[in-house]
Amino acid sequence: PTKAALLERLRIVYGAARVVDQLSVGTVATPAAWGEYVAKLINPNL
């Protein structure tokens, strides 16, 4: 779900055709609400 949400946010900002997905899912330590914070970083100002 975190991967899907981040990719969706990127496609909204940049357009689906430009986004190349090389993300993987694994056992990692996650700060609280990490995915939400990262999604907010991906904004049109980038």
ModelCIF file with pLDDT and N, C-alpha, C, O atoms, coordinates in Angstrom:
data_MODEL
#
_entry.id   MODEL 
#
_entity.id                         1 
_entity.type                       polymer 
_entity.pdbx_number_of_molecules   1 
#
_entity_poly.entity_id                      1 
_entity_poly.type                           'polypeptide(L)' 
_entity_poly.nstd_linkage                   no 
_entity_poly.nstd_monomer                   no 
_entity_poly.pdbx_seq_one_letter_code       PTKAALLERLRIVYGAARVVDQLSVGTVATPAAWGEYVAKLINPNL 
_entity_poly.pdbx_seq_one_letter_code_can   PTKAALLERLRIVYGAARVVDQLSVGTVATPAAWGEYVAKLINPNL 
_entity_poly.pdbx_strand_id                 A 
#
loop_
_entity_poly_seq.entity_id 
_entity_poly_seq.num 
_entity_poly_seq.mon_id 
_entity_poly_seq.hetero 
1 1  PRO n 
1 2  THR n 
1 3  LYS n 
1 4  ALA n 
1 5  ALA n 
1 6  LEU n 
1 7  LEU n 
1 8  GLU n 
1 9  ARG n 
1 10 LEU n 
1 11 ARG n 
1 12 ILE n 
1 13 VAL n 
1 14 TYR n 
1 15 GLY n 
1 16 ALA n 
1 17 ALA n 
1 18 ARG n 
1 19 VAL n 
1 20 VAL n 
1 21 ASP n 
1 22 GLN n 
1 23 LEU n 
1 24 SER n 
1 25 VAL n 
1 26 GLY n 
1 27 THR n 
1 28 VAL n 
1 29 ALA n 
1 30 THR n 
1 31 PRO n 
1 32 ALA n 
1 33 ALA n 
1 34 TRP n 
1 35 GLY n 
1 36 GLU n 
1 37 TYR n 
1 38 VAL n 
1 39 ALA n 
1 40 LYS n 
1 41 LEU n 
1 42 ILE n 
1 43 ASN n 
1 44 PRO n 
1 45 ASN n 
1 46 LEU n 
#
_struct_asym.id          A 
_struct_asym.entity_id   1 
#
loop_
_ma_qa_metric.id 
_ma_qa_metric.mode 
_ma_qa_metric.name 
_ma_qa_metric.software_group_id 
_ma_qa_metric.type 
1 global pLDDT . pLDDT 
2 local  pLDDT . pLDDT 
#
_ma_qa_metric_global.metric_id      1 
_ma_qa_metric_global.metric_value   92.59 
_ma_qa_metric_global.model_id       1 
_ma_qa_metric_global.ordinal_id     1 
#
loop_
_ma_qa_metric_local.label_asym_id 
_ma_qa_metric_local.label_comp_id 
_ma_qa_metric_local.label_seq_id 
_ma_qa_metric_local.metric_id 
_ma_qa_metric_local.metric_value 
_ma_qa_metric_local.model_id 
_ma_qa_metric_local.ordinal_id 
A PRO 1  2 95.00 1 1  
A THR 2  2 95.00 1 2  
A LYS 3  2 95.00 1 3  
A ALA 4  2 96.00 1 4  
A ALA 5  2 95.00 1 5  
A LEU 6  2 95.00 1 6  
A LEU 7  2 96.00 1 7  
A GLU 8  2 96.00 1 8  
A ARG 9  2 95.00 1 9  
A LEU 10 2 94.00 1 10 
A ARG 11 2 95.00 1 11 
A ILE 12 2 95.00 1 12 
A VAL 13 2 92.00 1 13 
A TYR 14 2 90.00 1 14 
A GLY 15 2 91.00 1 15 
A ALA 16 2 93.00 1 16 
A ALA 17 2 91.00 1 17 
A ARG 18 2 89.00 1 18 
A VAL 19 2 92.00 1 19 
A VAL 20 2 92.00 1 20 
A ASP 21 2 93.00 1 21 
A GLN 22 2 92.00 1 22 
A LEU 23 2 93.00 1 23 
A SER 24 2 94.00 1 24 
A VAL 25 2 94.00 1 25 
A GLY 26 2 93.00 1 26 
A THR 27 2 91.00 1 27 
A VAL 28 2 90.00 1 28 
A ALA 29 2 89.00 1 29 
A THR 30 2 87.00 1 30 
A PRO 31 2 90.00 1 31 
A ALA 32 2 92.00 1 32 
A ALA 33 2 93.00 1 33 
A TRP 34 2 94.00 1 34 
A GLY 35 2 93.00 1 35 
A GLU 36 2 94.00 1 36 
A TYR 37 2 94.00 1 37 
A VAL 38 2 93.00 1 38 
A ALA 39 2 93.00 1 39 
A LYS 40 2 92.00 1 40 
A LEU 41 2 92.00 1 41 
A ILE 42 2 93.00 1 42 
A ASN 43 2 90.00 1 43 
A PRO 44 2 90.00 1 44 
A ASN 45 2 89.00 1 45 
A LEU 46 2 89.00 1 46 
#
loop_
_atom_site.group_PDB 
_atom_site.id 
_atom_site.type_symbol 
_atom_site.label_atom_id 
_atom_site.label_alt_id 
_atom_site.label_comp_id 
_atom_site.label_asym_id 
_atom_site.label_entity_id 
_atom_site.label_seq_id 
_atom_site.pdbx_PDB_ins_code 
_atom_site.Cartn_x 
_atom_site.Cartn_y 
_atom_site.Cartn_z 
_atom_site.occupancy 
_atom_site.B_iso_or_equiv 
_atom_site.pdbx_formal_charge 
_atom_site.auth_seq_id 
_atom_site.auth_comp_id 
_atom_site.auth_asym_id 
_atom_site.auth_atom_id 
_atom_site.pdbx_PDB_model_num 
ATOM 1   N N  . PRO A 1 1  ? 0.810  -1.224 0.000   1.00 95.00 ? 1  PRO A N  1 
ATOM 2   C CA . PRO A 1 1  ? 0.000  0.000  0.000   1.00 95.00 ? 1  PRO A CA 1 
ATOM 3   C C  . PRO A 1 1  ? 0.841  1.271  0.000   1.00 95.00 ? 1  PRO A C  1 
ATOM 4   O O  . PRO A 1 1  ? 0.492  2.242  -0.672  1.00 95.00 ? 1  PRO A O  1 
ATOM 5   N N  . THR A 1 2  ? 1.954  1.277  0.751   1.00 95.00 ? 2  THR A N  1 
ATOM 6   C CA . THR A 1 2  ? 2.831  2.449  0.759   1.00 95.00 ? 2  THR A CA 1 
ATOM 7   C C  . THR A 1 2  ? 3.434  2.670  -0.625  1.00 95.00 ? 2  THR A C  1 
ATOM 8   O O  . THR A 1 2  ? 3.482  3.797  -1.118  1.00 95.00 ? 2  THR A O  1 
ATOM 9   N N  . LYS A 1 3  ? 3.890  1.589  -1.244  1.00 95.00 ? 3  LYS A N  1 
ATOM 10  C CA . LYS A 1 3  ? 4.444  1.688  -2.601  1.00 95.00 ? 3  LYS A CA 1 
ATOM 11  C C  . LYS A 1 3  ? 3.414  2.234  -3.574  1.00 95.00 ? 3  LYS A C  1 
ATOM 12  O O  . LYS A 1 3  ? 3.706  3.139  -4.356  1.00 95.00 ? 3  LYS A O  1 
ATOM 13  N N  . ALA A 1 4  ? 2.205  1.680  -3.523  1.00 96.00 ? 4  ALA A N  1 
ATOM 14  C CA . ALA A 1 4  ? 1.158  2.108  -4.454  1.00 96.00 ? 4  ALA A CA 1 
ATOM 15  C C  . ALA A 1 4  ? 0.808  3.574  -4.263  1.00 96.00 ? 4  ALA A C  1 
ATOM 16  O O  . ALA A 1 4  ? 0.598  4.295  -5.238  1.00 96.00 ? 4  ALA A O  1 
ATOM 17  N N  . ALA A 1 5  ? 0.744  4.026  -3.001  1.00 95.00 ? 5  ALA A N  1 
ATOM 18  C CA . ALA A 1 5  ? 0.390  5.419  -2.720  1.00 95.00 ? 5  ALA A CA 1 
ATOM 19  C C  . ALA A 1 5  ? 1.459  6.373  -3.227  1.00 95.00 ? 5  ALA A C  1 
ATOM 20  O O  . ALA A 1 5  ? 1.141  7.425  -3.781  1.00 95.00 ? 5  ALA A O  1 
ATOM 21  N N  . LEU A 1 6  ? 2.734  6.009  -3.041  1.00 95.00 ? 6  LEU A N  1 
ATOM 22  C CA . LEU A 1 6  ? 3.829  6.871  -3.507  1.00 95.00 ? 6  LEU A CA 1 
ATOM 23  C C  . LEU A 1 6  ? 3.859  6.940  -5.032  1.00 95.00 ? 6  LEU A C  1 
ATOM 24  O O  . LEU A 1 6  ? 4.056  8.013  -5.602  1.00 95.00 ? 6  LEU A O  1 
ATOM 25  N N  . LEU A 1 7  ? 3.668  5.815  -5.684  1.00 96.00 ? 7  LEU A N  1 
ATOM 26  C CA . LEU A 1 7  ? 3.664  5.815  -7.146  1.00 96.00 ? 7  LEU A CA 1 
ATOM 27  C C  . LEU A 1 7  ? 2.491  6.625  -7.699  1.00 96.00 ? 7  LEU A C  1 
ATOM 28  O O  . LEU A 1 7  ? 2.633  7.338  -8.692  1.00 96.00 ? 7  LEU A O  1 
ATOM 29  N N  . GLU A 1 8  ? 1.347  6.510  -7.056  1.00 96.00 ? 8  GLU A N  1 
ATOM 30  C CA . GLU A 1 8  ? 0.188  7.279  -7.490  1.00 96.00 ? 8  GLU A CA 1 
ATOM 31  C C  . GLU A 1 8  ? 0.444  8.769  -7.364  1.00 96.00 ? 8  GLU A C  1 
ATOM 32  O O  . GLU A 1 8  ? 0.080  9.549  -8.245  1.00 96.00 ? 8  GLU A O  1 
ATOM 33  N N  . ARG A 1 9  ? 1.077  9.161  -6.260  1.00 95.00 ? 9  ARG A N  1 
ATOM 34  C CA . ARG A 1 9  ? 1.384  10.583 -6.057  1.00 95.00 ? 9  ARG A CA 1 
ATOM 35  C C  . ARG A 1 9  ? 2.359  11.084 -7.128  1.00 95.00 ? 9  ARG A C  1 
ATOM 36  O O  . ARG A 1 9  ? 2.184  12.179 -7.663  1.00 95.00 ? 9  ARG A O  1 
ATOM 37  N N  . LEU A 1 10 ? 3.367  10.299 -7.436  1.00 94.00 ? 10 LEU A N  1 
ATOM 38  C CA . LEU A 1 10 ? 4.328  10.670 -8.471  1.00 94.00 ? 10 LEU A CA 1 
ATOM 39  C C  . LEU A 1 10 ? 3.648  10.813 -9.829  1.00 94.00 ? 10 LEU A C  1 
ATOM 40  O O  . LEU A 1 10 ? 3.951  11.737 -10.585 1.00 94.00 ? 10 LEU A O  1 
ATOM 41  N N  . ARG A 1 11 ? 2.732  9.900  -10.136 1.00 95.00 ? 11 ARG A N  1 
ATOM 42  C CA . ARG A 1 11 ? 2.054  9.951  -11.430 1.00 95.00 ? 11 ARG A CA 1 
ATOM 43  C C  . ARG A 1 11 ? 1.139  11.163 -11.533 1.00 95.00 ? 11 ARG A C  1 
ATOM 44  O O  . ARG A 1 11 ? 0.958  11.716 -12.618 1.00 95.00 ? 11 ARG A O  1 
ATOM 45  N N  . ILE A 1 12 ? 0.562  11.577 -10.407 1.00 95.00 ? 12 ILE A N  1 
ATOM 46  C CA . ILE A 1 12 ? -0.274 12.779 -10.410 1.00 95.00 ? 12 ILE A CA 1 
ATOM 47  C C  . ILE A 1 12 ? 0.571  14.021 -10.697 1.00 95.00 ? 12 ILE A C  1 
ATOM 48  O O  . ILE A 1 12 ? 0.168  14.889 -11.470 1.00 95.00 ? 12 ILE A O  1 
ATOM 49  N N  . VAL A 1 13 ? 1.746  14.098 -10.068 1.00 92.00 ? 13 VAL A N  1 
ATOM 50  C CA . VAL A 1 13 ? 2.601  15.286 -10.196 1.00 92.00 ? 13 VAL A CA 1 
ATOM 51  C C  . VAL A 1 13 ? 3.314  15.325 -11.549 1.00 92.00 ? 13 VAL A C  1 
ATOM 52  O O  . VAL A 1 13 ? 3.370  16.377 -12.185 1.00 92.00 ? 13 VAL A O  1 
ATOM 53  N N  . TYR A 1 14 ? 3.862  14.182 -11.997 1.00 90.00 ? 14 TYR A N  1 
ATOM 54  C CA . TYR A 1 14 ? 4.718  14.178 -13.183 1.00 90.00 ? 14 TYR A CA 1 
ATOM 55  C C  . TYR A 1 14 ? 4.062  13.586 -14.433 1.00 90.00 ? 14 TYR A C  1 
ATOM 56  O O  . TYR A 1 14 ? 4.556  13.774 -15.546 1.00 90.00 ? 14 TYR A O  1 
ATOM 57  N N  . GLY A 1 15 ? 2.965  12.881 -14.249 1.00 91.00 ? 15 GLY A N  1 
ATOM 58  C CA . GLY A 1 15 ? 2.367  12.172 -15.369 1.00 91.00 ? 15 GLY A CA 1 
ATOM 59  C C  . GLY A 1 15 ? 2.810  10.721 -15.365 1.00 91.00 ? 15 GLY A C  1 
ATOM 60  O O  . GLY A 1 15 ? 3.987  10.426 -15.157 1.00 91.00 ? 15 GLY A O  1 
ATOM 61  N N  . ALA A 1 16 ? 1.868  9.811  -15.595 1.00 93.00 ? 16 ALA A N  1 
ATOM 62  C CA . ALA A 1 16 ? 2.159  8.382  -15.485 1.00 93.00 ? 16 ALA A CA 1 
ATOM 63  C C  . ALA A 1 16 ? 3.268  7.933  -16.428 1.00 93.00 ? 16 ALA A C  1 
ATOM 64  O O  . ALA A 1 16 ? 4.060  7.057  -16.082 1.00 93.00 ? 16 ALA A O  1 
ATOM 65  N N  . ALA A 1 17 ? 3.329  8.525  -17.615 1.00 91.00 ? 17 ALA A N  1 
ATOM 66  C CA . ALA A 1 17 ? 4.294  8.065  -18.618 1.00 91.00 ? 17 ALA A CA 1 
ATOM 67  C C  . ALA A 1 17 ? 5.738  8.321  -18.209 1.00 91.00 ? 17 ALA A C  1 
ATOM 68  O O  . ALA A 1 17 ? 6.645  7.648  -18.698 1.00 91.00 ? 17 ALA A O  1 
ATOM 69  N N  . ARG A 1 18 ? 5.966  9.288  -17.315 1.00 89.00 ? 18 ARG A N  1 
ATOM 70  C CA . ARG A 1 18 ? 7.346  9.643  -16.950 1.00 89.00 ? 18 ARG A CA 1 
ATOM 71  C C  . ARG A 1 18 ? 7.883  8.843  -15.760 1.00 89.00 ? 18 ARG A C  1 
ATOM 72  O O  . ARG A 1 18 ? 9.093  8.820  -15.533 1.00 89.00 ? 18 ARG A O  1 
ATOM 73  N N  . VAL A 1 19 ? 7.012  8.196  -15.009 1.00 92.00 ? 19 VAL A N  1 
ATOM 74  C CA . VAL A 1 19 ? 7.434  7.545  -13.769 1.00 92.00 ? 19 VAL A CA 1 
ATOM 75  C C  . VAL A 1 19 ? 7.932  6.130  -14.049 1.00 92.00 ? 19 VAL A C  1 
ATOM 76  O O  . VAL A 1 19 ? 7.205  5.300  -14.595 1.00 92.00 ? 19 VAL A O  1 
ATOM 77  N N  . VAL A 1 20 ? 9.187  5.865  -13.667 1.00 92.00 ? 20 VAL A N  1 
ATOM 78  C CA . VAL A 1 20 ? 9.785  4.541  -13.823 1.00 92.00 ? 20 VAL A CA 1 
ATOM 79  C C  . VAL A 1 20 ? 9.884  3.908  -12.436 1.00 92.00 ? 20 VAL A C  1 
ATOM 80  O O  . VAL A 1 20 ? 10.613 4.401  -11.575 1.00 92.00 ? 20 VAL A O  1 
ATOM 81  N N  . ASP A 1 21 ? 9.165  2.836  -12.227 1.00 93.00 ? 21 ASP A N  1 
ATOM 82  C CA . ASP A 1 21 ? 9.064  2.197  -10.912 1.00 93.00 ? 21 ASP A CA 1 
ATOM 83  C C  . ASP A 1 21 ? 10.188 1.186  -10.703 1.00 93.00 ? 21 ASP A C  1 
ATOM 84  O O  . ASP A 1 21 ? 10.226 0.139  -11.349 1.00 93.00 ? 21 ASP A O  1 
ATOM 85  N N  . GLN A 1 22 ? 11.109 1.516  -9.785  1.00 92.00 ? 22 GLN A N  1 
ATOM 86  C CA . GLN A 1 22 ? 12.125 0.561  -9.363  1.00 92.00 ? 22 GLN A CA 1 
ATOM 87  C C  . GLN A 1 22 ? 12.058 0.352  -7.854  1.00 92.00 ? 22 GLN A C  1 
ATOM 88  O O  . GLN A 1 22 ? 13.036 -0.070 -7.237  1.00 92.00 ? 22 GLN A O  1 
ATOM 89  N N  . LEU A 1 23 ? 10.900 0.648  -7.262  1.00 93.00 ? 23 LEU A N  1 
ATOM 90  C CA . LEU A 1 23 ? 10.696 0.465  -5.825  1.00 93.00 ? 23 LEU A CA 1 
ATOM 91  C C  . LEU A 1 23 ? 10.532 -1.019 -5.500  1.00 93.00 ? 23 LEU A C  1 
ATOM 92  O O  . LEU A 1 23 ? 9.974  -1.783 -6.287  1.00 93.00 ? 23 LEU A O  1 
ATOM 93  N N  . SER A 1 24 ? 11.027 -1.408 -4.334  1.00 94.00 ? 24 SER A N  1 
ATOM 94  C CA . SER A 1 24 ? 10.813 -2.766 -3.849  1.00 94.00 ? 24 SER A CA 1 
ATOM 95  C C  . SER A 1 24 ? 10.176 -2.718 -2.467  1.00 94.00 ? 24 SER A C  1 
ATOM 96  O O  . SER A 1 24 ? 10.237 -1.698 -1.781  1.00 94.00 ? 24 SER A O  1 
ATOM 97  N N  . VAL A 1 25 ? 9.569  -3.818 -2.070  1.00 94.00 ? 25 VAL A N  1 
ATOM 98  C CA . VAL A 1 25 ? 8.962  -3.947 -0.749  1.00 94.00 ? 25 VAL A CA 1 
ATOM 99  C C  . VAL A 1 25 ? 9.801  -4.920 0.062   1.00 94.00 ? 25 VAL A C  1 
ATOM 100 O O  . VAL A 1 25 ? 10.139 -6.004 -0.414  1.00 94.00 ? 25 VAL A O  1 
ATOM 101 N N  . GLY A 1 26 ? 10.140 -4.530 1.301   1.00 93.00 ? 26 GLY A N  1 
ATOM 102 C CA . GLY A 1 26 ? 10.985 -5.381 2.131   1.00 93.00 ? 26 GLY A CA 1 
ATOM 103 C C  . GLY A 1 26 ? 10.794 -5.103 3.601   1.00 93.00 ? 26 GLY A C  1 
ATOM 104 O O  . GLY A 1 26 ? 9.951  -4.301 4.001   1.00 93.00 ? 26 GLY A O  1 
ATOM 105 N N  . THR A 1 27 ? 11.590 -5.778 4.392   1.00 91.00 ? 27 THR A N  1 
ATOM 106 C CA . THR A 1 27 ? 11.539 -5.601 5.839   1.00 91.00 ? 27 THR A CA 1 
ATOM 107 C C  . THR A 1 27 ? 12.410 -4.409 6.216   1.00 91.00 ? 27 THR A C  1 
ATOM 108 O O  . THR A 1 27 ? 13.637 -4.501 6.228   1.00 91.00 ? 27 THR A O  1 
ATOM 109 N N  . VAL A 1 28 ? 11.769 -3.305 6.519   1.00 90.00 ? 28 VAL A N  1 
ATOM 110 C CA . VAL A 1 28 ? 12.488 -2.071 6.839   1.00 90.00 ? 28 VAL A CA 1 
ATOM 111 C C  . VAL A 1 28 ? 11.843 -1.423 8.058   1.00 90.00 ? 28 VAL A C  1 
ATOM 112 O O  . VAL A 1 28 ? 10.670 -1.650 8.351   1.00 90.00 ? 28 VAL A O  1 
ATOM 113 N N  . ALA A 1 29 ? 12.624 -0.616 8.760   1.00 89.00 ? 29 ALA A N  1 
ATOM 114 C CA . ALA A 1 29 ? 12.104 0.154  9.890   1.00 89.00 ? 29 ALA A CA 1 
ATOM 115 C C  . ALA A 1 29 ? 11.412 1.394  9.348   1.00 89.00 ? 29 ALA A C  1 
ATOM 116 O O  . ALA A 1 29 ? 11.986 2.111  8.528   1.00 89.00 ? 29 ALA A O  1 
ATOM 117 N N  . THR A 1 30 ? 10.198 1.656  9.787   1.00 87.00 ? 30 THR A N  1 
ATOM 118 C CA . THR A 1 30 ? 9.409  2.755  9.254   1.00 87.00 ? 30 THR A CA 1 
ATOM 119 C C  . THR A 1 30 ? 9.052  3.758  10.341  1.00 87.00 ? 30 THR A C  1 
ATOM 120 O O  . THR A 1 30 ? 8.340  3.404  11.281  1.00 87.00 ? 30 THR A O  1 
ATOM 121 N N  . PRO A 1 31 ? 9.525  5.008  10.244  1.00 90.00 ? 31 PRO A N  1 
ATOM 122 C CA . PRO A 1 31 ? 9.065  6.032  11.191  1.00 90.00 ? 31 PRO A CA 1 
ATOM 123 C C  . PRO A 1 31 ? 7.552  6.191  11.106  1.00 90.00 ? 31 PRO A C  1 
ATOM 124 O O  . PRO A 1 31 ? 6.943  5.866  10.087  1.00 90.00 ? 31 PRO A O  1 
ATOM 125 N N  . ALA A 1 32 ? 6.961  6.680  12.157  1.00 92.00 ? 32 ALA A N  1 
ATOM 126 C CA . ALA A 1 32 ? 5.501  6.831  12.184  1.00 92.00 ? 32 ALA A CA 1 
ATOM 127 C C  . ALA A 1 32 ? 5.016  7.676  11.012  1.00 92.00 ? 32 ALA A C  1 
ATOM 128 O O  . ALA A 1 32 ? 5.554  8.749  10.739  1.00 92.00 ? 32 ALA A O  1 
ATOM 129 N N  . ALA A 1 33 ? 3.991  7.176  10.323  1.00 93.00 ? 33 ALA A N  1 
ATOM 130 C CA . ALA A 1 33 ? 3.357  7.876  9.189   1.00 93.00 ? 33 ALA A CA 1 
ATOM 131 C C  . ALA A 1 33 ? 4.369  8.243  8.100   1.00 93.00 ? 33 ALA A C  1 
ATOM 132 O O  . ALA A 1 33 ? 4.211  9.263  7.428   1.00 93.00 ? 33 ALA A O  1 
ATOM 133 N N  . TRP A 1 34 ? 5.386  7.435  7.927   1.00 94.00 ? 34 TRP A N  1 
ATOM 134 C CA . TRP A 1 34 ? 6.466  7.739  6.970   1.00 94.00 ? 34 TRP A CA 1 
ATOM 135 C C  . TRP A 1 34 ? 5.924  7.932  5.553   1.00 94.00 ? 34 TRP A C  1 
ATOM 136 O O  . TRP A 1 34 ? 6.271  8.904  4.882   1.00 94.00 ? 34 TRP A O  1 
ATOM 137 N N  . GLY A 1 35 ? 5.086  7.021  5.106   1.00 93.00 ? 35 GLY A N  1 
ATOM 138 C CA . GLY A 1 35 ? 4.563  7.119  3.752   1.00 93.00 ? 35 GLY A CA 1 
ATOM 139 C C  . GLY A 1 35 ? 3.778  8.383  3.508   1.00 93.00 ? 35 GLY A C  1 
ATOM 140 O O  . GLY A 1 35 ? 3.850  8.969  2.428   1.00 93.00 ? 35 GLY A O  1 
ATOM 141 N N  . GLU A 1 36 ? 3.013  8.812  4.527   1.00 94.00 ? 36 GLU A N  1 
ATOM 142 C CA . GLU A 1 36 ? 2.232  10.039 4.387   1.00 94.00 ? 36 GLU A CA 1 
ATOM 143 C C  . GLU A 1 36 ? 3.131  11.258 4.267   1.00 94.00 ? 36 GLU A C  1 
ATOM 144 O O  . GLU A 1 36 ? 2.886  12.146 3.451   1.00 94.00 ? 36 GLU A O  1 
ATOM 145 N N  . TYR A 1 37 ? 4.179  11.292 5.090   1.00 94.00 ? 37 TYR A N  1 
ATOM 146 C CA . TYR A 1 37 ? 5.103  12.433 5.025   1.00 94.00 ? 37 TYR A CA 1 
ATOM 147 C C  . TYR A 1 37 ? 5.812  12.492 3.667   1.00 94.00 ? 37 TYR A C  1 
ATOM 148 O O  . TYR A 1 37 ? 5.949  13.561 3.072   1.00 94.00 ? 37 TYR A O  1 
ATOM 149 N N  . VAL A 1 38 ? 6.257  11.328 3.188   1.00 93.00 ? 38 VAL A N  1 
ATOM 150 C CA . VAL A 1 38 ? 6.972  11.306 1.906   1.00 93.00 ? 38 VAL A CA 1 
ATOM 151 C C  . VAL A 1 38 ? 6.041  11.730 0.766   1.00 93.00 ? 38 VAL A C  1 
ATOM 152 O O  . VAL A 1 38 ? 6.450  12.463 -0.134  1.00 93.00 ? 38 VAL A O  1 
ATOM 153 N N  . ALA A 1 39 ? 4.804  11.271 0.808   1.00 93.00 ? 39 ALA A N  1 
ATOM 154 C CA . ALA A 1 39 ? 3.851  11.656 -0.238  1.00 93.00 ? 39 ALA A CA 1 
ATOM 155 C C  . ALA A 1 39 ? 3.659  13.164 -0.286  1.00 93.00 ? 39 ALA A C  1 
ATOM 156 O O  . ALA A 1 39 ? 3.512  13.743 -1.362  1.00 93.00 ? 39 ALA A O  1 
ATOM 157 N N  . LYS A 1 40 ? 3.661  13.802 0.887   1.00 92.00 ? 40 LYS A N  1 
ATOM 158 C CA . LYS A 1 40 ? 3.516  15.260 0.929   1.00 92.00 ? 40 LYS A CA 1 
ATOM 159 C C  . LYS A 1 40 ? 4.731  15.966 0.326   1.00 92.00 ? 40 LYS A C  1 
ATOM 160 O O  . LYS A 1 40 ? 4.612  17.069 -0.207  1.00 92.00 ? 40 LYS A O  1 
ATOM 161 N N  . LEU A 1 41 ? 5.904  15.325 0.412   1.00 92.00 ? 41 LEU A N  1 
ATOM 162 C CA . LEU A 1 41 ? 7.111  15.926 -0.176  1.00 92.00 ? 41 LEU A CA 1 
ATOM 163 C C  . LEU A 1 41 ? 7.026  15.973 -1.704  1.00 92.00 ? 41 LEU A C  1 
ATOM 164 O O  . LEU A 1 41 ? 7.622  16.840 -2.343  1.00 92.00 ? 41 LEU A O  1 
ATOM 165 N N  . ILE A 1 42 ? 6.282  15.036 -2.272  1.00 93.00 ? 42 ILE A N  1 
ATOM 166 C CA . ILE A 1 42 ? 6.181  14.957 -3.736  1.00 93.00 ? 42 ILE A CA 1 
ATOM 167 C C  . ILE A 1 42 ? 5.078  15.914 -4.182  1.00 93.00 ? 42 ILE A C  1 
ATOM 168 O O  . ILE A 1 42 ? 3.923  15.518 -4.338  1.00 93.00 ? 42 ILE A O  1 
ATOM 169 N N  . ASN A 1 43 ? 5.446  17.162 -4.383  1.00 90.00 ? 43 ASN A N  1 
ATOM 170 C CA . ASN A 1 43 ? 4.481  18.192 -4.750  1.00 90.00 ? 43 ASN A CA 1 
ATOM 171 C C  . ASN A 1 43 ? 4.949  18.913 -6.014  1.00 90.00 ? 43 ASN A C  1 
ATOM 172 O O  . ASN A 1 43 ? 6.104  18.765 -6.414  1.00 90.00 ? 43 ASN A O  1 
ATOM 173 N N  . PRO A 1 44 ? 4.074  19.686 -6.643  1.00 90.00 ? 44 PRO A N  1 
ATOM 174 C CA . PRO A 1 44 ? 4.435  20.332 -7.924  1.00 90.00 ? 44 PRO A CA 1 
ATOM 175 C C  . PRO A 1 44 ? 5.657  21.231 -7.869  1.00 90.00 ? 44 PRO A C  1 
ATOM 176 O O  . PRO A 1 44 ? 6.278  21.478 -8.903  1.00 90.00 ? 44 PRO A O  1 
ATOM 177 N N  . ASN A 1 45 ? 6.025  21.734 -6.682  1.00 89.00 ? 45 ASN A N  1 
ATOM 178 C CA . ASN A 1 45 ? 7.217  22.576 -6.597  1.00 89.00 ? 45 ASN A CA 1 
ATOM 179 C C  . ASN A 1 45 ? 8.481  21.837 -7.013  1.00 89.00 ? 45 ASN A C  1 
ATOM 180 O O  . ASN A 1 45 ? 9.447  22.460 -7.455  1.00 89.00 ? 45 ASN A O  1 
ATOM 181 N N  . LEU A 1 46 ? 8.483  20.507 -6.875  1.00 89.00 ? 46 LEU A N  1 
ATOM 182 C CA . LEU A 1 46 ? 9.663  19.744 -7.282  1.00 89.00 ? 46 LEU A CA 1 
ATOM 183 C C  . LEU A 1 46 ? 9.922  19.875 -8.781  1.00 89.00 ? 46 LEU A C  1 
ATOM 184 O O  . LEU A 1 46 ? 10.878 19.296 -9.296  1.00 89.00 ? 46 LEU A O  1 
#
